[in-house]
Amino acid sequence: MKNRCSPESLLSIIIGMSKEQKECVRSMGFGALLKMKITDIPLKLGFYVPQKFDSERMVIDIEGKELKVTTESVHDMWGIPIGGTKLTQLDQWPKDDTSYDEWKQ
């Protein structure tokens, strides 16, 4: 299974953030992600969960027991904010804006 960003890569990014960058993440409501300590996901689990996920009913069926996937359960597990500004409502950055490059540094 391939993914775009492994947990280990994300953890190394978090560890390398400056105090200002971490404060920016917190101010956007994603501070709980800064506490992540996961470095890998067992391969079998990475295949098992998607195979057991029913996207129409929004449940993960685990040996006949259903785990409901809701906005609240994702928030409780990952600390991701509920609601807020939709990405489609944000202004696009001008192409000559250097904020992203500055943030990466």
PDB file of N, CA and C in Angstrom:
ATOM      1  N   MET A   1       0.845  -1.164   0.000  1.00  0.00           N
ATOM      2  CA  MET A   1       0.000   0.000   0.000  1.00  0.00           C
ATOM      3  C   MET A   1       0.897   1.236   0.000  1.00  0.00           C
ATOM      4  N   LYS A   2       0.600   2.160  -0.890  1.00  0.00           N
ATOM      5  CA  LYS A   2       1.376   3.398  -0.956  1.00  0.00           C
ATOM      6  C   LYS A   2       0.525   4.546  -0.422  1.00  0.00           C
ATOM      7  N   ASN A   3       1.202   5.496   0.194  1.00  0.00           N
ATOM      8  CA  ASN A   3       0.514   6.702   0.634  1.00  0.00           C
ATOM      9  C   ASN A   3       1.395   7.899   0.340  1.00  0.00           C
ATOM     10  N   ARG A   4       0.829   9.054   0.445  1.00  0.00           N
ATOM     11  CA  ARG A   4       1.575  10.267   0.105  1.00  0.00           C
ATOM     12  C   ARG A   4       2.457  10.753   1.239  1.00  0.00           C
ATOM     13  N   CYS A   5       2.073  10.440   2.473  1.00  0.00           N
ATOM     14  CA  CYS A   5       2.851  10.911   3.616  1.00  0.00           C
ATOM     15  C   CYS A   5       2.750   9.873   4.728  1.00  0.00           C
ATOM     16  N   SER A   6       3.844   9.234   5.027  1.00  0.00           N
ATOM     17  CA  SER A   6       3.848   8.227   6.085  1.00  0.00           C
ATOM     18  C   SER A   6       3.752   8.907   7.439  1.00  0.00           C
ATOM     19  N   PRO A   7       3.264   8.184   8.459  1.00  0.00           N
ATOM     20  CA  PRO A   7       3.235   8.777   9.803  1.00  0.00           C
ATOM     21  C   PRO A   7       4.624   9.215  10.273  1.00  0.00           C
ATOM     22  N   GLU A   8       5.648   8.461   9.894  1.00  0.00           N
ATOM     23  CA  GLU A   8       7.012   8.822  10.290  1.00  0.00           C
ATOM     24  C   GLU A   8       7.424  10.167   9.672  1.00  0.00           C
ATOM     25  N   SER A   9       7.059  10.385   8.413  1.00  0.00           N
ATOM     26  CA  SER A   9       7.374  11.663   7.762  1.00  0.00           C
ATOM     27  C   SER A   9       6.649  12.817   8.441  1.00  0.00           C
ATOM     28  N   LEU A  10       5.372  12.595   8.762  1.00  0.00           N
ATOM     29  CA  LEU A  10       4.600  13.641   9.432  1.00  0.00           C
ATOM     30  C   LEU A  10       5.188  13.944  10.807  1.00  0.00           C
ATOM     31  N   LEU A  11       5.574  12.905  11.531  1.00  0.00           N
ATOM     32  CA  LEU A  11       6.173  13.105  12.849  1.00  0.00           C
ATOM     33  C   LEU A  11       7.480  13.899  12.753  1.00  0.00           C
ATOM     34  N   SER A  12       8.302  13.611  11.750  1.00  0.00           N
ATOM     35  CA  SER A  12       9.554  14.351  11.603  1.00  0.00           C
ATOM     36  C   SER A  12       9.295  15.819  11.255  1.00  0.00           C
ATOM     37  N   ILE A  13       8.231  16.081  10.507  1.00  0.00           N
ATOM     38  CA  ILE A  13       7.855  17.470  10.202  1.00  0.00           C
ATOM     39  C   ILE A  13       7.444  18.182  11.485  1.00  0.00           C
ATOM     40  N   ILE A  14       6.623  17.507  12.298  1.00  0.00           N
ATOM     41  CA  ILE A  14       6.155  18.104  13.553  1.00  0.00           C
ATOM     42  C   ILE A  14       7.334  18.409  14.469  1.00  0.00           C
ATOM     43  N   ILE A  15       8.250  17.458  14.609  1.00  0.00           N
ATOM     44  CA  ILE A  15       9.415  17.649  15.477  1.00  0.00           C
ATOM     45  C   ILE A  15      10.268  18.821  15.001  1.00  0.00           C
ATOM     46  N   GLY A  16      10.349  19.013  13.686  1.00  0.00           N
ATOM     47  CA  GLY A  16      11.183  20.067  13.131  1.00  0.00           C
ATOM     48  C   GLY A  16      10.556  21.445  13.092  1.00  0.00           C
ATOM     49  N   MET A  17       9.309  21.563  13.509  1.00  0.00           N
ATOM     50  CA  MET A  17       8.637  22.865  13.469  1.00  0.00           C
ATOM     51  C   MET A  17       9.180  23.803  14.544  1.00  0.00           C
ATOM     52  N   SER A  18       9.209  25.070  14.194  1.00  0.00           N
ATOM     53  CA  SER A  18       9.587  26.094  15.178  1.00  0.00           C
ATOM     54  C   SER A  18       8.406  26.339  16.116  1.00  0.00           C
ATOM     55  N   LYS A  19       8.647  27.061  17.205  1.00  0.00           N
ATOM     56  CA  LYS A  19       7.572  27.406  18.134  1.00  0.00           C
ATOM     57  C   LYS A  19       6.488  28.216  17.421  1.00  0.00           C
ATOM     58  N   GLU A  20       6.910  29.115  16.543  1.00  0.00           N
ATOM     59  CA  GLU A  20       5.954  29.956  15.813  1.00  0.00           C
ATOM     60  C   GLU A  20       5.082  29.113  14.890  1.00  0.00           C
ATOM     61  N   GLN A  21       5.676  28.144  14.211  1.00  0.00           N
ATOM     62  CA  GLN A  21       4.911  27.273  13.322  1.00  0.00           C
ATOM     63  C   GLN A  21       3.907  26.443  14.120  1.00  0.00           C
ATOM     64  N   LYS A  22       4.348  25.918  15.269  1.00  0.00           N
ATOM     65  CA  LYS A  22       3.443  25.127  16.105  1.00  0.00           C
ATOM     66  C   LYS A  22       2.300  25.986  16.622  1.00  0.00           C
ATOM     67  N   GLU A  23       2.587  27.219  16.983  1.00  0.00           N
ATOM     68  CA  GLU A  23       1.537  28.112  17.458  1.00  0.00           C
ATOM     69  C   GLU A  23       0.535  28.405  16.343  1.00  0.00           C
ATOM     70  N   CYS A  24       1.019  28.537  15.133  1.00  0.00           N
ATOM     71  CA  CYS A  24       0.136  28.756  13.983  1.00  0.00           C
ATOM     72  C   CYS A  24      -0.793  27.557  13.799  1.00  0.00           C
ATOM     73  N   VAL A  25      -0.249  26.342  13.905  1.00  0.00           N
ATOM     74  CA  VAL A  25      -1.056  25.119  13.784  1.00  0.00           C
ATOM     75  C   VAL A  25      -2.112  25.096  14.891  1.00  0.00           C
ATOM     76  N   ARG A  26      -1.719  25.440  16.109  1.00  0.00           N
ATOM     77  CA  ARG A  26      -2.675  25.480  17.224  1.00  0.00           C
ATOM     78  C   ARG A  26      -3.773  26.510  16.973  1.00  0.00           C
ATOM     79  N   SER A  27      -3.391  27.677  16.467  1.00  0.00           N
ATOM     80  CA  SER A  27      -4.374  28.743  16.249  1.00  0.00           C
ATOM     81  C   SER A  27      -5.410  28.361  15.189  1.00  0.00           C
ATOM     82  N   MET A  28      -5.053  27.419  14.304  1.00  0.00           N
ATOM     83  CA  MET A  28      -6.001  26.947  13.297  1.00  0.00           C
ATOM     84  C   MET A  28      -6.885  25.815  13.822  1.00  0.00           C
ATOM     85  N   GLY A  29      -6.621  25.375  15.069  1.00  0.00           N
ATOM     86  CA  GLY A  29      -7.444  24.334  15.666  1.00  0.00           C
ATOM     87  C   GLY A  29      -6.904  22.923  15.498  1.00  0.00           C
ATOM     88  N   PHE A  30      -5.670  22.776  15.020  1.00  0.00           N
ATOM     89  CA  PHE A  30      -5.098  21.457  14.779  1.00  0.00           C
ATOM     90  C   PHE A  30      -4.000  21.097  15.784  1.00  0.00           C
ATOM     91  N   GLY A  31      -4.021  21.722  16.957  1.00  0.00           N
ATOM     92  CA  GLY A  31      -2.995  21.498  17.960  1.00  0.00           C
ATOM     93  C   GLY A  31      -2.874  20.051  18.406  1.00  0.00           C
ATOM     94  N   ALA A  32      -3.976  19.304  18.405  1.00  0.00           N
ATOM     95  CA  ALA A  32      -3.926  17.900  18.831  1.00  0.00           C
ATOM     96  C   ALA A  32      -3.001  17.075  17.932  1.00  0.00           C
ATOM     97  N   LEU A  33      -2.888  17.443  16.677  1.00  0.00           N
ATOM     98  CA  LEU A  33      -2.011  16.701  15.764  1.00  0.00           C
ATOM     99  C   LEU A  33      -0.541  16.841  16.150  1.00  0.00           C
ATOM    100  N   LEU A  34      -0.208  17.929  16.848  1.00  0.00           N
ATOM    101  CA  LEU A  34       1.179  18.135  17.274  1.00  0.00           C
ATOM    102  C   LEU A  34       1.604  17.117  18.333  1.00  0.00           C
ATOM    103  N   LYS A  35       0.630  16.463  18.963  1.00  0.00           N
ATOM    104  CA  LYS A  35       0.916  15.470  19.998  1.00  0.00           C
ATOM    105  C   LYS A  35       1.083  14.061  19.416  1.00  0.00           C
ATOM    106  N   MET A  36       0.937  13.928  18.110  1.00  0.00           N
ATOM    107  CA  MET A  36       1.021  12.623  17.470  1.00  0.00           C
ATOM    108  C   MET A  36       2.404  12.006  17.663  1.00  0.00           C
ATOM    109  N   LYS A  37       2.424  10.732  18.009  1.00  0.00           N
ATOM    110  CA  LYS A  37       3.688  10.018  18.209  1.00  0.00           C
ATOM    111  C   LYS A  37       3.760   8.744  17.356  1.00  0.00           C
ATOM    112  N   ILE A  38       2.834   8.574  16.413  1.00  0.00           N
ATOM    113  CA  ILE A  38       2.794   7.369  15.583  1.00  0.00           C
ATOM    114  C   ILE A  38       3.893   7.436  14.526  1.00  0.00           C
ATOM    115  N   THR A  39       4.686   6.368  14.413  1.00  0.00           N
ATOM    116  CA  THR A  39       5.748   6.345  13.400  1.00  0.00           C
ATOM    117  C   THR A  39       5.424   5.406  12.246  1.00  0.00           C
ATOM    118  N   ASP A  40       4.523   4.448  12.466  1.00  0.00           N
ATOM    119  CA  ASP A  40       4.137   3.568  11.364  1.00  0.00           C
ATOM    120  C   ASP A  40       2.782   2.928  11.647  1.00  0.00           C
ATOM    121  N   ILE A  41       2.188   2.397  10.600  1.00  0.00           N
ATOM    122  CA  ILE A  41       0.921   1.693  10.687  1.00  0.00           C
ATOM    123  C   ILE A  41       1.174   0.275  10.193  1.00  0.00           C
ATOM    124  N   PRO A  42       0.840  -0.741  11.006  1.00  0.00           N
ATOM    125  CA  PRO A  42       1.062  -2.116  10.548  1.00  0.00           C
ATOM    126  C   PRO A  42       0.374  -2.355   9.200  1.00  0.00           C
ATOM    127  N   LEU A  43       1.082  -3.005   8.288  1.00  0.00           N
ATOM    128  CA  LEU A  43       0.588  -3.215   6.931  1.00  0.00           C
ATOM    129  C   LEU A  43      -0.790  -3.872   6.907  1.00  0.00           C
ATOM    130  N   LYS A  44      -0.971  -4.915   7.720  1.00  0.00           N
ATOM    131  CA  LYS A  44      -2.264  -5.610   7.740  1.00  0.00           C
ATOM    132  C   LYS A  44      -3.388  -4.676   8.159  1.00  0.00           C
ATOM    133  N   LEU A  45      -3.122  -3.807   9.137  1.00  0.00           N
ATOM    134  CA  LEU A  45      -4.131  -2.853   9.588  1.00  0.00           C
ATOM    135  C   LEU A  45      -4.461  -1.852   8.486  1.00  0.00           C
ATOM    136  N   GLY A  46      -3.430  -1.443   7.752  1.00  0.00           N
ATOM    137  CA  GLY A  46      -3.621  -0.499   6.644  1.00  0.00           C
ATOM    138  C   GLY A  46      -4.511  -1.047   5.544  1.00  0.00           C
ATOM    139  N   PHE A  47      -4.558  -2.360   5.386  1.00  0.00           N
ATOM    140  CA  PHE A  47      -5.449  -2.992   4.411  1.00  0.00           C
ATOM    141  C   PHE A  47      -6.790  -3.367   5.044  1.00  0.00           C
ATOM    142  N   TYR A  48      -6.764  -3.801   6.291  1.00  0.00           N
ATOM    143  CA  TYR A  48      -7.952  -4.303   6.966  1.00  0.00           C
ATOM    144  C   TYR A  48      -9.024  -3.229   7.112  1.00  0.00           C
ATOM    145  N   VAL A  49      -8.649  -2.076   7.641  1.00  0.00           N
ATOM    146  CA  VAL A  49      -9.637  -1.028   7.919  1.00  0.00           C
ATOM    147  C   VAL A  49     -10.349  -0.563   6.644  1.00  0.00           C
ATOM    148  N   PRO A  50      -9.636  -0.230   5.565  1.00  0.00           N
ATOM    149  CA  PRO A  50     -10.366   0.181   4.354  1.00  0.00           C
ATOM    150  C   PRO A  50     -11.270  -0.919   3.790  1.00  0.00           C
ATOM    151  N   GLN A  51     -10.861  -2.178   3.921  1.00  0.00           N
ATOM    152  CA  GLN A  51     -11.700  -3.278   3.429  1.00  0.00           C
ATOM    153  C   GLN A  51     -12.975  -3.412   4.245  1.00  0.00           C
ATOM    154  N   LYS A  52     -12.914  -3.077   5.511  1.00  0.00           N
ATOM    155  CA  LYS A  52     -14.063  -3.220   6.408  1.00  0.00           C
ATOM    156  C   LYS A  52     -14.920  -1.955   6.485  1.00  0.00           C
ATOM    157  N   PHE A  53     -14.514  -0.904   5.795  1.00  0.00           N
ATOM    158  CA  PHE A  53     -15.240   0.374   5.853  1.00  0.00           C
ATOM    159  C   PHE A  53     -16.370   0.392   4.836  1.00  0.00           C
ATOM    160  N   ASP A  54     -17.584   0.686   5.298  1.00  0.00           N
ATOM    161  CA  ASP A  54     -18.766   0.823   4.447  1.00  0.00           C
ATOM    162  C   ASP A  54     -19.050   2.320   4.310  1.00  0.00           C
ATOM    163  N   SER A  55     -18.696   2.884   3.158  1.00  0.00           N
ATOM    164  CA  SER A  55     -18.813   4.339   2.971  1.00  0.00           C
ATOM    165  C   SER A  55     -20.260   4.811   2.855  1.00  0.00           C
ATOM    166  N   GLU A  56     -21.161   3.927   2.487  1.00  0.00           N
ATOM    167  CA  GLU A  56     -22.572   4.332   2.405  1.00  0.00           C
ATOM    168  C   GLU A  56     -23.177   4.482   3.799  1.00  0.00           C
ATOM    169  N   ARG A  57     -22.818   3.578   4.696  1.00  0.00           N
ATOM    170  CA  ARG A  57     -23.362   3.613   6.047  1.00  0.00           C
ATOM    171  C   ARG A  57     -22.417   4.294   7.033  1.00  0.00           C
ATOM    172  N   MET A  58     -21.202   4.598   6.598  1.00  0.00           N
ATOM    173  CA  MET A  58     -20.178   5.254   7.421  1.00  0.00           C
ATOM    174  C   MET A  58     -19.895   4.452   8.696  1.00  0.00           C
ATOM    175  N   VAL A  59     -19.600   3.157   8.496  1.00  0.00           N
ATOM    176  CA  VAL A  59     -19.251   2.283   9.605  1.00  0.00           C
ATOM    177  C   VAL A  59     -18.064   1.414   9.210  1.00  0.00           C
ATOM    178  N   ILE A  60     -17.312   1.003  10.227  1.00  0.00           N
ATOM    179  CA  ILE A  60     -16.268  -0.003  10.054  1.00  0.00           C
ATOM    180  C   ILE A  60     -16.795  -1.256  10.746  1.00  0.00           C
ATOM    181  N   ASP A  61     -16.951  -2.337  10.000  1.00  0.00           N
ATOM    182  CA  ASP A  61     -17.471  -3.595  10.539  1.00  0.00           C
ATOM    183  C   ASP A  61     -16.302  -4.438  11.035  1.00  0.00           C
ATOM    184  N   ILE A  62     -16.223  -4.611  12.347  1.00  0.00           N
ATOM    185  CA  ILE A  62     -15.136  -5.376  12.953  1.00  0.00           C
ATOM    186  C   ILE A  62     -15.739  -6.622  13.591  1.00  0.00           C
ATOM    187  N   GLU A  63     -15.607  -7.727  12.891  1.00  0.00           N
ATOM    188  CA  GLU A  63     -16.108  -9.017  13.371  1.00  0.00           C
ATOM    189  C   GLU A  63     -17.557  -8.931  13.826  1.00  0.00           C
ATOM    190  N   GLY A  64     -18.401  -8.317  12.993  1.00  0.00           N
ATOM    191  CA  GLY A  64     -19.833  -8.233  13.275  1.00  0.00           C
ATOM    192  C   GLY A  64     -20.244  -7.072  14.159  1.00  0.00           C
ATOM    193  N   LYS A  65     -19.310  -6.347  14.690  1.00  0.00           N
ATOM    194  CA  LYS A  65     -19.614  -5.157  15.488  1.00  0.00           C
ATOM    195  C   LYS A  65     -19.280  -3.936  14.655  1.00  0.00           C
ATOM    196  N   GLU A  66     -20.175  -2.963  14.688  1.00  0.00           N
ATOM    197  CA  GLU A  66     -19.992  -1.783  13.853  1.00  0.00           C
ATOM    198  C   GLU A  66     -19.466  -0.598  14.646  1.00  0.00           C
ATOM    199  N   LEU A  67     -18.434   0.012  14.100  1.00  0.00           N
ATOM    200  CA  LEU A  67     -17.868   1.234  14.652  1.00  0.00           C
ATOM    201  C   LEU A  67     -18.322   2.376  13.750  1.00  0.00           C
ATOM    202  N   LYS A  68     -19.182   3.232  14.270  1.00  0.00           N
ATOM    203  CA  LYS A  68     -19.726   4.348  13.495  1.00  0.00           C
ATOM    204  C   LYS A  68     -18.661   5.418  13.313  1.00  0.00           C
ATOM    205  N   VAL A  69     -18.472   5.876  12.079  1.00  0.00           N
ATOM    206  CA  VAL A  69     -17.521   6.947  11.782  1.00  0.00           C
ATOM    207  C   VAL A  69     -18.330   8.227  11.594  1.00  0.00           C
ATOM    208  N   THR A  70     -18.147   9.158  12.519  1.00  0.00           N
ATOM    209  CA  THR A  70     -18.869  10.430  12.474  1.00  0.00           C
ATOM    210  C   THR A  70     -17.883  11.587  12.566  1.00  0.00           C
ATOM    211  N   THR A  71     -18.377  12.760  12.327  1.00  0.00           N
ATOM    212  CA  THR A  71     -17.562  13.961  12.495  1.00  0.00           C
ATOM    213  C   THR A  71     -17.008  14.010  13.919  1.00  0.00           C
ATOM    214  N   GLU A  72     -17.867  13.675  14.881  1.00  0.00           N
ATOM    215  CA  GLU A  72     -17.472  13.729  16.282  1.00  0.00           C
ATOM    216  C   GLU A  72     -16.426  12.665  16.614  1.00  0.00           C
ATOM    217  N   SER A  73     -16.580  11.446  16.059  1.00  0.00           N
ATOM    218  CA  SER A  73     -15.615  10.389  16.379  1.00  0.00           C
ATOM    219  C   SER A  73     -14.238  10.709  15.788  1.00  0.00           C
ATOM    220  N   VAL A  74     -14.216  11.298  14.608  1.00  0.00           N
ATOM    221  CA  VAL A  74     -12.935  11.711  14.013  1.00  0.00           C
ATOM    222  C   VAL A  74     -12.321  12.828  14.854  1.00  0.00           C
ATOM    223  N   HIS A  75     -13.148  13.764  15.288  1.00  0.00           N
ATOM    224  CA  HIS A  75     -12.663  14.846  16.160  1.00  0.00           C
ATOM    225  C   HIS A  75     -12.102  14.284  17.464  1.00  0.00           C
ATOM    226  N   ASP A  76     -12.850  13.358  18.074  1.00  0.00           N
ATOM    227  CA  ASP A  76     -12.408  12.775  19.350  1.00  0.00           C
ATOM    228  C   ASP A  76     -11.098  12.009  19.198  1.00  0.00           C
ATOM    229  N   MET A  77     -10.932  11.312  18.079  1.00  0.00           N
ATOM    230  CA  MET A  77      -9.743  10.484  17.896  1.00  0.00           C
ATOM    231  C   MET A  77      -8.527  11.313  17.468  1.00  0.00           C
ATOM    232  N   TRP A  78      -8.712  12.256  16.557  1.00  0.00           N
ATOM    233  CA  TRP A  78      -7.584  12.982  15.968  1.00  0.00           C
ATOM    234  C   TRP A  78      -7.487  14.436  16.395  1.00  0.00           C
ATOM    235  N   GLY A  79      -8.534  14.958  17.029  1.00  0.00           N
ATOM    236  CA  GLY A  79      -8.492  16.357  17.449  1.00  0.00           C
ATOM    237  C   GLY A  79      -8.684  17.332  16.302  1.00  0.00           C
ATOM    238  N   ILE A  80      -9.185  16.834  15.180  1.00  0.00           N
ATOM    239  CA  ILE A  80      -9.415  17.698  14.024  1.00  0.00           C
ATOM    240  C   ILE A  80     -10.658  18.542  14.298  1.00  0.00           C
ATOM    241  N   PRO A  81     -10.604  19.852  14.052  1.00  0.00           N
ATOM    242  CA  PRO A  81     -11.742  20.718  14.358  1.00  0.00           C
ATOM    243  C   PRO A  81     -13.011  20.312  13.602  1.00  0.00           C
ATOM    244  N   ILE A  82     -14.136  20.586  14.236  1.00  0.00           N
ATOM    245  CA  ILE A  82     -15.436  20.362  13.602  1.00  0.00           C
ATOM    246  C   ILE A  82     -15.929  21.715  13.108  1.00  0.00           C
ATOM    247  N   GLY A  83     -16.278  21.793  11.845  1.00  0.00           N
ATOM    248  CA  GLY A  83     -16.805  23.036  11.306  1.00  0.00           C
ATOM    249  C   GLY A  83     -15.700  24.009  10.958  1.00  0.00           C
ATOM    250  N   GLY A  84     -16.044  25.276  10.969  1.00  0.00           N
ATOM    251  CA  GLY A  84     -15.063  26.299  10.621  1.00  0.00           C
ATOM    252  C   GLY A  84     -15.222  26.736   9.179  1.00  0.00           C
ATOM    253  N   THR A  85     -14.152  27.240   8.617  1.00  0.00           N
ATOM    254  CA  THR A  85     -14.161  27.759   7.258  1.00  0.00           C
ATOM    255  C   THR A  85     -13.945  26.633   6.260  1.00  0.00           C
ATOM    256  N   LYS A  86     -14.774  26.591   5.237  1.00  0.00           N
ATOM    257  CA  LYS A  86     -14.584  25.603   4.179  1.00  0.00           C
ATOM    258  C   LYS A  86     -13.401  26.024   3.315  1.00  0.00           C
ATOM    259  N   LEU A  87     -12.616  25.051   2.879  1.00  0.00           N
ATOM    260  CA  LEU A  87     -11.448  25.362   2.053  1.00  0.00           C
ATOM    261  C   LEU A  87     -11.841  26.098   0.781  1.00  0.00           C
ATOM    262  N   THR A  88     -13.009  25.794   0.256  1.00  0.00           N
ATOM    263  CA  THR A  88     -13.453  26.451  -0.981  1.00  0.00           C
ATOM    264  C   THR A  88     -13.811  27.915  -0.758  1.00  0.00           C
ATOM    265  N   GLN A  89     -13.952  28.324   0.508  1.00  0.00           N
ATOM    266  CA  GLN A  89     -14.288  29.717   0.815  1.00  0.00           C
ATOM    267  C   GLN A  89     -13.056  30.589   1.044  1.00  0.00           C
ATOM    268  N   LEU A  90     -11.893  29.964   1.134  1.00  0.00           N
ATOM    269  CA  LEU A  90     -10.674  30.727   1.378  1.00  0.00           C
ATOM    270  C   LEU A  90     -10.210  31.438   0.111  1.00  0.00           C
ATOM    271  N   ASP A  91      -9.642  32.611   0.294  1.00  0.00           N
ATOM    272  CA  ASP A  91      -9.053  33.327  -0.835  1.00  0.00           C
ATOM    273  C   ASP A  91      -7.818  32.570  -1.305  1.00  0.00           C
ATOM    274  N   GLN A  92      -7.574  32.575  -2.596  1.00  0.00           N
ATOM    275  CA  GLN A  92      -6.362  31.936  -3.113  1.00  0.00           C
ATOM    276  C   GLN A  92      -5.186  32.882  -2.904  1.00  0.00           C
ATOM    277  N   TRP A  93      -4.027  32.270  -2.598  1.00  0.00           N
ATOM    278  CA  TRP A  93      -2.829  33.075  -2.430  1.00  0.00           C
ATOM    279  C   TRP A  93      -2.339  33.575  -3.772  1.00  0.00           C
ATOM    280  N   PRO A  94      -1.839  34.815  -3.807  1.00  0.00           N
ATOM    281  CA  PRO A  94      -1.244  35.305  -5.051  1.00  0.00           C
ATOM    282  C   PRO A  94      -0.001  34.478  -5.377  1.00  0.00           C
ATOM    283  N   LYS A  95       0.262  34.273  -6.640  1.00  0.00           N
ATOM    284  CA  LYS A  95       1.401  33.450  -7.064  1.00  0.00           C
ATOM    285  C   LYS A  95       2.740  34.019  -6.596  1.00  0.00           C
ATOM    286  N   ASP A  96       2.823  35.326  -6.388  1.00  0.00           N
ATOM    287  CA  ASP A  96       4.091  35.930  -5.981  1.00  0.00           C
ATOM    288  C   ASP A  96       4.252  36.010  -4.451  1.00  0.00           C
ATOM    289  N   ASP A  97       3.302  35.449  -3.703  1.00  0.00           N
ATOM    290  CA  ASP A  97       3.377  35.460  -2.235  1.00  0.00           C
ATOM    291  C   ASP A  97       4.460  34.482  -1.777  1.00  0.00           C
ATOM    292  N   THR A  98       5.344  34.934  -0.897  1.00  0.00           N
ATOM    293  CA  THR A  98       6.462  34.102  -0.426  1.00  0.00           C
ATOM    294  C   THR A  98       6.194  33.468   0.944  1.00  0.00           C
ATOM    295  N   SER A  99       4.975  33.594   1.459  1.00  0.00           N
ATOM    296  CA  SER A  99       4.657  33.091   2.805  1.00  0.00           C
ATOM    297  C   SER A  99       4.962  31.610   2.943  1.00  0.00           C
ATOM    298  N   TYR A 100       4.594  30.813   1.937  1.00  0.00           N
ATOM    299  CA  TYR A 100       4.810  29.369   2.012  1.00  0.00           C
ATOM    300  C   TYR A 100       6.309  29.055   2.125  1.00  0.00           C
ATOM    301  N   ASP A 101       7.118  29.702   1.297  1.00  0.00           N
ATOM    302  CA  ASP A 101       8.558  29.469   1.346  1.00  0.00           C
ATOM    303  C   ASP A 101       9.141  29.881   2.703  1.00  0.00           C
ATOM    304  N   GLU A 102       8.651  30.999   3.234  1.00  0.00           N
ATOM    305  CA  GLU A 102       9.106  31.444   4.544  1.00  0.00           C
ATOM    306  C   GLU A 102       8.695  30.466   5.622  1.00  0.00           C
ATOM    307  N   TRP A 103       7.463  29.941   5.543  1.00  0.00           N
ATOM    308  CA  TRP A 103       6.983  28.981   6.526  1.00  0.00           C
ATOM    309  C   TRP A 103       7.827  27.709   6.497  1.00  0.00           C
ATOM    310  N   LYS A 104       8.183  27.248   5.302  1.00  0.00           N
ATOM    311  CA  LYS A 104       8.983  26.022   5.183  1.00  0.00           C
ATOM    312  C   LYS A 104      10.340  26.194   5.851  1.00  0.00           C
ATOM    313  N   GLN A 105      10.893  27.400   5.816  1.00  0.00           N
ATOM    314  CA  GLN A 105      12.198  27.639   6.417  1.00  0.00           C
ATOM    315  C   GLN A 105      12.090  27.667   7.913  1.00  0.00           C
TER     316      GLN A 105
END
